[in-house]
Amino acid sequence: MTTAAVKITRKGQVTIPKEIREKLKASAVYFEVADDIVMVRPVRDTAGSLREYAGEGKPGVSMKQMRGRAWEAAVREKTGKKSS
């Protein structure tokens, strides 16, 4: 098990230590909270096949739009909610 203590900034941000980021092998994470335990889990599929988020046959869909749609789908799958 790898553990690390990190400071939370005034804006509520934390930096995930490099060793942990490398183990996660993901560019996005989601948080689970149970009582006073916070778990950070990788979101592995947001960069998967983005074709399904291109809007079948609709030209002009940018990569940013596809990533956004994929992110929304991943959040809904994991939490049942729309991301903020």
Protein backbone atom coordinates (compact mmCIF):
# COMPACT_ATOMS: atom_id res chain seq x y z
CA MET A 1 0.00 0.00 0.00
CA THR A 2 1.21 3.49 -0.83
CA THR A 3 0.25 6.40 1.43
CA ALA A 4 1.08 10.08 1.43
CA ALA A 5 0.06 13.15 3.39
CA VAL A 6 -0.60 16.24 1.29
CA LYS A 7 -1.76 19.76 2.10
CA ILE A 8 -5.15 21.03 0.96
CA THR A 9 -4.89 24.54 -0.50
CA ARG A 10 -7.30 27.36 0.32
CA LYS A 11 -9.06 26.54 -2.96
CA GLY A 12 -9.54 22.92 -1.85
CA GLN A 13 -6.90 21.55 -4.21
CA VAL A 14 -4.42 18.77 -3.58
CA THR A 15 -1.52 17.47 -5.61
CA ILE A 16 -1.48 13.72 -6.04
CA PRO A 17 2.14 12.62 -5.47
CA LYS A 18 3.97 11.39 -8.57
CA GLU A 19 4.42 7.87 -7.20
CA ILE A 20 0.66 7.51 -6.72
CA ARG A 21 -0.17 9.07 -10.13
CA GLU A 22 2.16 6.59 -11.78
CA LYS A 23 0.48 3.67 -10.00
CA LEU A 24 -2.99 4.90 -10.97
CA LYS A 25 -2.06 5.22 -14.67
CA ALA A 26 -5.01 7.55 -15.23
CA SER A 27 -5.47 11.21 -16.08
CA ALA A 28 -8.72 11.54 -14.14
CA VAL A 29 -9.89 10.35 -10.74
CA TYR A 30 -13.09 10.30 -8.77
CA PHE A 31 -13.55 10.44 -5.03
CA GLU A 32 -15.61 8.13 -2.84
CA VAL A 33 -16.36 9.10 0.75
CA ALA A 34 -17.59 6.67 3.40
CA ASP A 35 -17.84 8.12 6.89
CA ASP A 36 -14.40 9.72 7.34
CA ILE A 37 -12.58 7.63 4.72
CA VAL A 38 -11.85 9.18 1.32
CA MET A 39 -10.91 6.87 -1.55
CA VAL A 40 -9.44 8.16 -4.80
CA ARG A 41 -10.08 5.84 -7.73
CA PRO A 42 -8.88 6.15 -11.33
CA VAL A 43 -11.31 6.82 -14.15
CA ARG A 44 -9.77 4.66 -16.83
CA ASP A 45 -12.15 4.90 -19.76
CA THR A 46 -12.50 8.63 -20.48
CA ALA A 47 -9.76 8.46 -23.10
CA GLY A 48 -10.99 5.21 -24.59
CA SER A 49 -12.79 5.08 -27.90
CA LEU A 50 -14.28 8.56 -28.29
CA ARG A 51 -16.03 7.75 -31.57
CA GLU A 52 -19.33 7.01 -29.82
CA TYR A 53 -19.28 10.54 -28.38
CA ALA A 54 -18.73 12.22 -31.74
CA GLY A 55 -22.44 12.27 -32.49
CA GLU A 56 -22.84 9.63 -35.18
CA GLY A 57 -22.25 11.24 -38.53
CA LYS A 58 -22.22 14.83 -37.25
CA PRO A 59 -19.24 16.70 -38.68
CA GLY A 60 -17.42 19.38 -36.72
CA VAL A 61 -17.40 17.74 -33.28
CA SER A 62 -14.16 18.75 -31.61
CA MET A 63 -11.95 16.53 -29.46
CA LYS A 64 -12.78 18.80 -26.52
CA GLN A 65 -16.49 18.15 -27.03
CA MET A 66 -15.90 14.40 -27.34
CA ARG A 67 -13.78 14.33 -24.18
CA GLY A 68 -16.47 16.30 -22.36
CA ARG A 69 -19.16 13.85 -23.44
CA ALA A 70 -16.98 10.88 -22.46
CA TRP A 71 -16.28 12.47 -19.07
CA GLU A 72 -20.01 13.04 -18.45
CA ALA A 73 -20.71 9.39 -19.33
CA ALA A 74 -17.96 8.15 -17.00
CA VAL A 75 -19.25 10.29 -14.13
CA ARG A 76 -22.84 9.12 -14.70
CA GLU A 77 -21.66 5.49 -14.82
CA LYS A 78 -19.75 5.77 -11.54
CA THR A 79 -22.07 8.06 -9.57
CA GLY A 80 -25.42 8.17 -11.29
CA LYS A 81 -25.06 11.99 -11.40
CA LYS A 82 -24.09 14.63 -13.90
CA SER A 83 -20.62 16.12 -13.30
CA SER A 84 -20.28 19.73 -12.20
